[in-house]
Amino acid sequence: MLILRSKTSRNDLAATRVYEIISPRVLSVSSEEELGTLARKMVESRYQRVSVTDPDDKILGIVSSLDSLRLVGTVG
């Protein structure tokens, strides 16, 4: 919500187009990447969410830093 507020007034929020708030840069990784590589890329890029793609570059899903923390919590 903070991002939306900084780019548009509260009155215009409902009429704001998605393209006005998107990040044009996207980080993606192959579904075959190791988790350690994913974590390194997320830290280096400072991205909180990364798209995961198949060999044809079709997006399979999104992994977040919170997803990684949940995994660590269940394993460790």
PDB file of N, CA and C in Angstrom:
ATOM      1  N   MET A   1       0.812  -1.184   0.000  1.00  0.00           N
ATOM      2  CA  MET A   1       0.000   0.000   0.000  1.00  0.00           C
ATOM      3  C   MET A   1       0.860   1.254   0.000  1.00  0.00           C
ATOM      4  N   LEU A   2       2.010   1.214   0.605  1.00  0.00           N
ATOM      5  CA  LEU A   2       2.892   2.373   0.622  1.00  0.00           C
ATOM      6  C   LEU A   2       3.335   2.756  -0.779  1.00  0.00           C
ATOM      7  N   ILE A   3       3.600   1.757  -1.615  1.00  0.00           N
ATOM      8  CA  ILE A   3       4.002   2.034  -2.989  1.00  0.00           C
ATOM      9  C   ILE A   3       2.876   2.742  -3.725  1.00  0.00           C
ATOM     10  N   LEU A   4       1.664   2.249  -3.560  1.00  0.00           N
ATOM     11  CA  LEU A   4       0.527   2.862  -4.233  1.00  0.00           C
ATOM     12  C   LEU A   4       0.337   4.300  -3.792  1.00  0.00           C
ATOM     13  N   ARG A   5       0.474   4.548  -2.530  1.00  0.00           N
ATOM     14  CA  ARG A   5       0.283   5.902  -2.012  1.00  0.00           C
ATOM     15  C   ARG A   5       1.320   6.867  -2.570  1.00  0.00           C
ATOM     16  N   SER A   6       2.521   6.380  -2.764  1.00  0.00           N
ATOM     17  CA  SER A   6       3.567   7.277  -3.238  1.00  0.00           C
ATOM     18  C   SER A   6       3.410   7.620  -4.715  1.00  0.00           C
ATOM     19  N   LYS A   7       2.702   6.798  -5.460  1.00  0.00           N
ATOM     20  CA  LYS A   7       2.573   7.026  -6.894  1.00  0.00           C
ATOM     21  C   LYS A   7       1.217   7.593  -7.303  1.00  0.00           C
ATOM     22  N   THR A   8       0.251   7.573  -6.428  1.00  0.00           N
ATOM     23  CA  THR A   8      -1.072   8.073  -6.772  1.00  0.00           C
ATOM     24  C   THR A   8      -1.760   8.582  -5.523  1.00  0.00           C
ATOM     25  N   SER A   9      -2.681   9.484  -5.715  1.00  0.00           N
ATOM     26  CA  SER A   9      -3.425   9.976  -4.554  1.00  0.00           C
ATOM     27  C   SER A   9      -4.470   8.948  -4.151  1.00  0.00           C
ATOM     28  N   ARG A  10      -4.927   9.012  -2.917  1.00  0.00           N
ATOM     29  CA  ARG A  10      -5.919   8.056  -2.420  1.00  0.00           C
ATOM     30  C   ARG A  10      -7.197   8.118  -3.255  1.00  0.00           C
ATOM     31  N   ASN A  11      -7.576   9.303  -3.721  1.00  0.00           N
ATOM     32  CA  ASN A  11      -8.791   9.450  -4.521  1.00  0.00           C
ATOM     33  C   ASN A  11      -8.682   8.738  -5.860  1.00  0.00           C
ATOM     34  N   ASP A  12      -7.478   8.656  -6.396  1.00  0.00           N
ATOM     35  CA  ASP A  12      -7.273   8.033  -7.699  1.00  0.00           C
ATOM     36  C   ASP A  12      -6.926   6.550  -7.611  1.00  0.00           C
ATOM     37  N   LEU A  13      -6.822   6.006  -6.434  1.00  0.00           N
ATOM     38  CA  LEU A  13      -6.356   4.635  -6.252  1.00  0.00           C
ATOM     39  C   LEU A  13      -7.193   3.625  -7.025  1.00  0.00           C
ATOM     40  N   ALA A  14      -8.502   3.706  -6.947  1.00  0.00           N
ATOM     41  CA  ALA A  14      -9.367   2.746  -7.632  1.00  0.00           C
ATOM     42  C   ALA A  14      -9.228   2.837  -9.145  1.00  0.00           C
ATOM     43  N   ALA A  15      -8.900   4.006  -9.653  1.00  0.00           N
ATOM     44  CA  ALA A  15      -8.781   4.204 -11.097  1.00  0.00           C
ATOM     45  C   ALA A  15      -7.356   3.996 -11.604  1.00  0.00           C
ATOM     46  N   THR A  16      -6.428   3.709 -10.716  1.00  0.00           N
ATOM     47  CA  THR A  16      -5.035   3.515 -11.110  1.00  0.00           C
ATOM     48  C   THR A  16      -4.907   2.261 -11.957  1.00  0.00           C
ATOM     49  N   ARG A  17      -4.192   2.364 -13.045  1.00  0.00           N
ATOM     50  CA  ARG A  17      -3.949   1.222 -13.931  1.00  0.00           C
ATOM     51  C   ARG A  17      -2.766   0.422 -13.395  1.00  0.00           C
ATOM     52  N   VAL A  18      -2.825  -0.872 -13.587  1.00  0.00           N
ATOM     53  CA  VAL A  18      -1.774  -1.755 -13.080  1.00  0.00           C
ATOM     54  C   VAL A  18      -0.407  -1.350 -13.629  1.00  0.00           C
ATOM     55  N   TYR A  19      -0.340  -0.988 -14.890  1.00  0.00           N
ATOM     56  CA  TYR A  19       0.954  -0.633 -15.486  1.00  0.00           C
ATOM     57  C   TYR A  19       1.615   0.553 -14.795  1.00  0.00           C
ATOM     58  N   GLU A  20       0.840   1.347 -14.069  1.00  0.00           N
ATOM     59  CA  GLU A  20       1.396   2.506 -13.383  1.00  0.00           C
ATOM     60  C   GLU A  20       2.194   2.127 -12.132  1.00  0.00           C
ATOM     61  N   ILE A  21       2.004   0.921 -11.631  1.00  0.00           N
ATOM     62  CA  ILE A  21       2.661   0.539 -10.380  1.00  0.00           C
ATOM     63  C   ILE A  21       3.582  -0.667 -10.502  1.00  0.00           C
ATOM     64  N   ILE A  22       3.632  -1.282 -11.684  1.00  0.00           N
ATOM     65  CA  ILE A  22       4.461  -2.478 -11.824  1.00  0.00           C
ATOM     66  C   ILE A  22       5.944  -2.138 -11.826  1.00  0.00           C
ATOM     67  N   SER A  23       6.730  -3.130 -11.487  1.00  0.00           N
ATOM     68  CA  SER A  23       8.175  -3.014 -11.616  1.00  0.00           C
ATOM     69  C   SER A  23       8.542  -3.550 -12.996  1.00  0.00           C
ATOM     70  N   PRO A  24       9.190  -2.762 -13.832  1.00  0.00           N
ATOM     71  CA  PRO A  24       9.513  -3.227 -15.179  1.00  0.00           C
ATOM     72  C   PRO A  24      10.623  -4.279 -15.203  1.00  0.00           C
ATOM     73  N   ARG A  25      11.386  -4.374 -14.118  1.00  0.00           N
ATOM     74  CA  ARG A  25      12.456  -5.375 -14.044  1.00  0.00           C
ATOM     75  C   ARG A  25      11.951  -6.593 -13.284  1.00  0.00           C
ATOM     76  N   VAL A  26      12.164  -7.758 -13.868  1.00  0.00           N
ATOM     77  CA  VAL A  26      11.706  -9.002 -13.253  1.00  0.00           C
ATOM     78  C   VAL A  26      12.884  -9.959 -13.152  1.00  0.00           C
ATOM     79  N   LEU A  27      13.022 -10.594 -12.018  1.00  0.00           N
ATOM     80  CA  LEU A  27      14.041 -11.620 -11.834  1.00  0.00           C
ATOM     81  C   LEU A  27      13.347 -12.965 -11.920  1.00  0.00           C
ATOM     82  N   SER A  28      13.887 -13.860 -12.740  1.00  0.00           N
ATOM     83  CA  SER A  28      13.309 -15.198 -12.825  1.00  0.00           C
ATOM     84  C   SER A  28      14.425 -16.231 -12.756  1.00  0.00           C
ATOM     85  N   VAL A  29      14.053 -17.412 -12.301  1.00  0.00           N
ATOM     86  CA  VAL A  29      14.986 -18.532 -12.213  1.00  0.00           C
ATOM     87  C   VAL A  29      14.317 -19.768 -12.778  1.00  0.00           C
ATOM     88  N   SER A  30      15.125 -20.696 -13.204  1.00  0.00           N
ATOM     89  CA  SER A  30      14.624 -21.978 -13.689  1.00  0.00           C
ATOM     90  C   SER A  30      14.120 -22.808 -12.515  1.00  0.00           C
ATOM     91  N   SER A  31      13.122 -23.619 -12.775  1.00  0.00           N
ATOM     92  CA  SER A  31      12.608 -24.503 -11.725  1.00  0.00           C
ATOM     93  C   SER A  31      13.656 -25.527 -11.300  1.00  0.00           C
ATOM     94  N   GLU A  32      14.705 -25.683 -12.090  1.00  0.00           N
ATOM     95  CA  GLU A  32      15.776 -26.630 -11.780  1.00  0.00           C
ATOM     96  C   GLU A  32      16.889 -26.016 -10.925  1.00  0.00           C
ATOM     97  N   GLU A  33      16.828 -24.712 -10.667  1.00  0.00           N
ATOM     98  CA  GLU A  33      17.849 -24.048  -9.839  1.00  0.00           C
ATOM     99  C   GLU A  33      17.871 -24.640  -8.435  1.00  0.00           C
ATOM    100  N   GLU A  34      19.031 -24.649  -7.824  1.00  0.00           N
ATOM    101  CA  GLU A  34      19.139 -25.061  -6.427  1.00  0.00           C
ATOM    102  C   GLU A  34      18.703 -23.904  -5.541  1.00  0.00           C
ATOM    103  N   LEU A  35      18.166 -24.215  -4.378  1.00  0.00           N
ATOM    104  CA  LEU A  35      17.676 -23.179  -3.468  1.00  0.00           C
ATOM    105  C   LEU A  35      18.775 -22.212  -3.041  1.00  0.00           C
ATOM    106  N   GLY A  36      19.984 -22.716  -2.895  1.00  0.00           N
ATOM    107  CA  GLY A  36      21.096 -21.845  -2.524  1.00  0.00           C
ATOM    108  C   GLY A  36      21.365 -20.787  -3.587  1.00  0.00           C
ATOM    109  N   THR A  37      21.270 -21.189  -4.849  1.00  0.00           N
ATOM    110  CA  THR A  37      21.454 -20.250  -5.954  1.00  0.00           C
ATOM    111  C   THR A  37      20.337 -19.221  -5.968  1.00  0.00           C
ATOM    112  N   LEU A  38      19.118 -19.675  -5.750  1.00  0.00           N
ATOM    113  CA  LEU A  38      17.974 -18.757  -5.684  1.00  0.00           C
ATOM    114  C   LEU A  38      18.169 -17.739  -4.571  1.00  0.00           C
ATOM    115  N   ALA A  39      18.558 -18.209  -3.400  1.00  0.00           N
ATOM    116  CA  ALA A  39      18.757 -17.315  -2.256  1.00  0.00           C
ATOM    117  C   ALA A  39      19.840 -16.279  -2.551  1.00  0.00           C
ATOM    118  N   ARG A  40      20.936 -16.702  -3.157  1.00  0.00           N
ATOM    119  CA  ARG A  40      22.021 -15.777  -3.498  1.00  0.00           C
ATOM    120  C   ARG A  40      21.535 -14.709  -4.472  1.00  0.00           C
ATOM    121  N   LYS A  41      20.793 -15.131  -5.489  1.00  0.00           N
ATOM    122  CA  LYS A  41      20.279 -14.176  -6.473  1.00  0.00           C
ATOM    123  C   LYS A  41      19.310 -13.185  -5.835  1.00  0.00           C
ATOM    124  N   MET A  42      18.492 -13.663  -4.909  1.00  0.00           N
ATOM    125  CA  MET A  42      17.541 -12.769  -4.245  1.00  0.00           C
ATOM    126  C   MET A  42      18.267 -11.743  -3.385  1.00  0.00           C
ATOM    127  N   VAL A  43      19.291 -12.194  -2.682  1.00  0.00           N
ATOM    128  CA  VAL A  43      20.058 -11.273  -1.833  1.00  0.00           C
ATOM    129  C   VAL A  43      20.796 -10.250  -2.695  1.00  0.00           C
ATOM    130  N   GLU A  44      21.457 -10.717  -3.749  1.00  0.00           N
ATOM    131  CA  GLU A  44      22.227  -9.815  -4.609  1.00  0.00           C
ATOM    132  C   GLU A  44      21.344  -8.781  -5.302  1.00  0.00           C
ATOM    133  N   SER A  45      20.158  -9.202  -5.719  1.00  0.00           N
ATOM    134  CA  SER A  45      19.268  -8.297  -6.457  1.00  0.00           C
ATOM    135  C   SER A  45      18.373  -7.471  -5.540  1.00  0.00           C
ATOM    136  N   ARG A  46      18.280  -7.917  -4.263  1.00  0.00           N
ATOM    137  CA  ARG A  46      17.380  -7.290  -3.290  1.00  0.00           C
ATOM    138  C   ARG A  46      15.911  -7.439  -3.675  1.00  0.00           C
ATOM    139  N   TYR A  47      15.604  -8.460  -4.462  1.00  0.00           N
ATOM    140  CA  TYR A  47      14.219  -8.742  -4.825  1.00  0.00           C
ATOM    141  C   TYR A  47      13.607  -9.626  -3.751  1.00  0.00           C
ATOM    142  N   GLN A  48      12.383  -9.363  -3.408  1.00  0.00           N
ATOM    143  CA  GLN A  48      11.665 -10.152  -2.411  1.00  0.00           C
ATOM    144  C   GLN A  48      10.886 -11.301  -3.049  1.00  0.00           C
ATOM    145  N   ARG A  49      10.619 -11.192  -4.354  1.00  0.00           N
ATOM    146  CA  ARG A  49       9.860 -12.208  -5.074  1.00  0.00           C
ATOM    147  C   ARG A  49      10.533 -12.482  -6.412  1.00  0.00           C
ATOM    148  N   VAL A  50      10.533 -13.764  -6.798  1.00  0.00           N
ATOM    149  CA  VAL A  50      11.180 -14.179  -8.034  1.00  0.00           C
ATOM    150  C   VAL A  50      10.238 -15.116  -8.772  1.00  0.00           C
ATOM    151  N   SER A  51      10.103 -14.913 -10.082  1.00  0.00           N
ATOM    152  CA  SER A  51       9.281 -15.839 -10.858  1.00  0.00           C
ATOM    153  C   SER A  51      10.103 -17.086 -11.173  1.00  0.00           C
ATOM    154  N   VAL A  52       9.420 -18.219 -11.190  1.00  0.00           N
ATOM    155  CA  VAL A  52      10.051 -19.507 -11.465  1.00  0.00           C
ATOM    156  C   VAL A  52       9.510 -19.992 -12.807  1.00  0.00           C
ATOM    157  N   THR A  53      10.424 -20.343 -13.720  1.00  0.00           N
ATOM    158  CA  THR A  53      10.017 -20.712 -15.070  1.00  0.00           C
ATOM    159  C   THR A  53      10.410 -22.141 -15.422  1.00  0.00           C
ATOM    160  N   ASP A  54       9.679 -22.694 -16.398  1.00  0.00           N
ATOM    161  CA  ASP A  54      10.015 -24.014 -16.922  1.00  0.00           C
ATOM    162  C   ASP A  54      11.013 -23.839 -18.072  1.00  0.00           C
ATOM    163  N   PRO A  55      11.458 -24.937 -18.705  1.00  0.00           N
ATOM    164  CA  PRO A  55      12.441 -24.816 -19.790  1.00  0.00           C
ATOM    165  C   PRO A  55      11.970 -23.964 -20.977  1.00  0.00           C
ATOM    166  N   ASP A  56      10.656 -23.797 -21.139  1.00  0.00           N
ATOM    167  CA  ASP A  56      10.118 -22.970 -22.224  1.00  0.00           C
ATOM    168  C   ASP A  56       9.866 -21.528 -21.786  1.00  0.00           C
ATOM    169  N   ASP A  57      10.375 -21.157 -20.619  1.00  0.00           N
ATOM    170  CA  ASP A  57      10.204 -19.819 -20.034  1.00  0.00           C
ATOM    171  C   ASP A  57       8.764 -19.494 -19.661  1.00  0.00           C
ATOM    172  N   LYS A  58       7.949 -20.520 -19.477  1.00  0.00           N
ATOM    173  CA  LYS A  58       6.585 -20.312 -18.985  1.00  0.00           C
ATOM    174  C   LYS A  58       6.660 -20.161 -17.464  1.00  0.00           C
ATOM    175  N   ILE A  59       5.988 -19.153 -16.936  1.00  0.00           N
ATOM    176  CA  ILE A  59       6.019 -18.939 -15.487  1.00  0.00           C
ATOM    177  C   ILE A  59       5.203 -20.019 -14.787  1.00  0.00           C
ATOM    178  N   LEU A  60       5.860 -20.707 -13.865  1.00  0.00           N
ATOM    179  CA  LEU A  60       5.211 -21.761 -13.089  1.00  0.00           C
ATOM    180  C   LEU A  60       4.668 -21.229 -11.774  1.00  0.00           C
ATOM    181  N   GLY A  61       5.303 -20.185 -11.271  1.00  0.00           N
ATOM    182  CA  GLY A  61       4.880 -19.633  -9.996  1.00  0.00           C
ATOM    183  C   GLY A  61       5.833 -18.550  -9.531  1.00  0.00           C
ATOM    184  N   ILE A  62       5.584 -18.105  -8.321  1.00  0.00           N
ATOM    185  CA  ILE A  62       6.385 -17.058  -7.698  1.00  0.00           C
ATOM    186  C   ILE A  62       6.897 -17.599  -6.366  1.00  0.00           C
ATOM    187  N   VAL A  63       8.168 -17.389  -6.090  1.00  0.00           N
ATOM    188  CA  VAL A  63       8.723 -17.748  -4.787  1.00  0.00           C
ATOM    189  C   VAL A  63       9.124 -16.449  -4.093  1.00  0.00           C
ATOM    190  N   SER A  64       8.817 -16.366  -2.819  1.00  0.00           N
ATOM    191  CA  SER A  64       9.123 -15.147  -2.067  1.00  0.00           C
ATOM    192  C   SER A  64      10.163 -15.438  -0.992  1.00  0.00           C
ATOM    193  N   SER A  65      10.723 -14.379  -0.458  1.00  0.00           N
ATOM    194  CA  SER A  65      11.670 -14.551   0.641  1.00  0.00           C
ATOM    195  C   SER A  65      10.970 -15.189   1.836  1.00  0.00           C
ATOM    196  N   LEU A  66       9.699 -14.892   2.020  1.00  0.00           N
ATOM    197  CA  LEU A  66       8.930 -15.506   3.104  1.00  0.00           C
ATOM    198  C   LEU A  66       8.777 -17.010   2.882  1.00  0.00           C
ATOM    199  N   ASP A  67       8.588 -17.433   1.632  1.00  0.00           N
ATOM    200  CA  ASP A  67       8.533 -18.868   1.326  1.00  0.00           C
ATOM    201  C   ASP A  67       9.825 -19.552   1.765  1.00  0.00           C
ATOM    202  N   SER A  68      10.947 -18.908   1.495  1.00  0.00           N
ATOM    203  CA  SER A  68      12.246 -19.466   1.884  1.00  0.00           C
ATOM    204  C   SER A  68      12.366 -19.585   3.393  1.00  0.00           C
ATOM    205  N   LEU A  69      11.927 -18.571   4.105  1.00  0.00           N
ATOM    206  CA  LEU A  69      11.975 -18.609   5.572  1.00  0.00           C
ATOM    207  C   LEU A  69      11.083 -19.715   6.128  1.00  0.00           C
ATOM    208  N   ARG A  70       9.928 -19.900   5.519  1.00  0.00           N
ATOM    209  CA  ARG A  70       9.036 -20.984   5.966  1.00  0.00           C
ATOM    210  C   ARG A  70       9.714 -22.340   5.799  1.00  0.00           C
ATOM    211  N   LEU A  71      10.411 -22.524   4.674  1.00  0.00           N
ATOM    212  CA  LEU A  71      11.110 -23.783   4.424  1.00  0.00           C
ATOM    213  C   LEU A  71      12.197 -24.009   5.464  1.00  0.00           C
ATOM    214  N   VAL A  72      12.962 -22.985   5.753  1.00  0.00           N
ATOM    215  CA  VAL A  72      14.014 -23.092   6.766  1.00  0.00           C
ATOM    216  C   VAL A  72      13.401 -23.457   8.112  1.00  0.00           C
ATOM    217  N   GLY A  73      12.265 -22.873   8.430  1.00  0.00           N
ATOM    218  CA  GLY A  73      11.593 -23.150   9.699  1.00  0.00           C
ATOM    219  C   GLY A  73      11.113 -24.578   9.822  1.00  0.00           C
ATOM    220  N   THR A  74      10.730 -25.205   8.701  1.00  0.00           N
ATOM    221  CA  THR A  74      10.246 -26.579   8.760  1.00  0.00           C
ATOM    222  C   THR A  74      11.384 -27.586   8.735  1.00  0.00           C
ATOM    223  N   VAL A  75      12.507 -27.214   8.123  1.00  0.00           N
ATOM    224  CA  VAL A  75      13.653 -28.123   8.019  1.00  0.00           C
ATOM    225  C   VAL A  75      14.533 -28.026   9.249  1.00  0.00           C
ATOM    226  N   GLY A  76      14.808 -26.798   9.692  1.00  0.00           N
ATOM    227  CA  GLY A  76      15.764 -26.599  10.779  1.00  0.00           C
ATOM    228  C   GLY A  76      15.050 -26.513  12.054  1.00  0.00           C
TER     229      GLY A  76
END
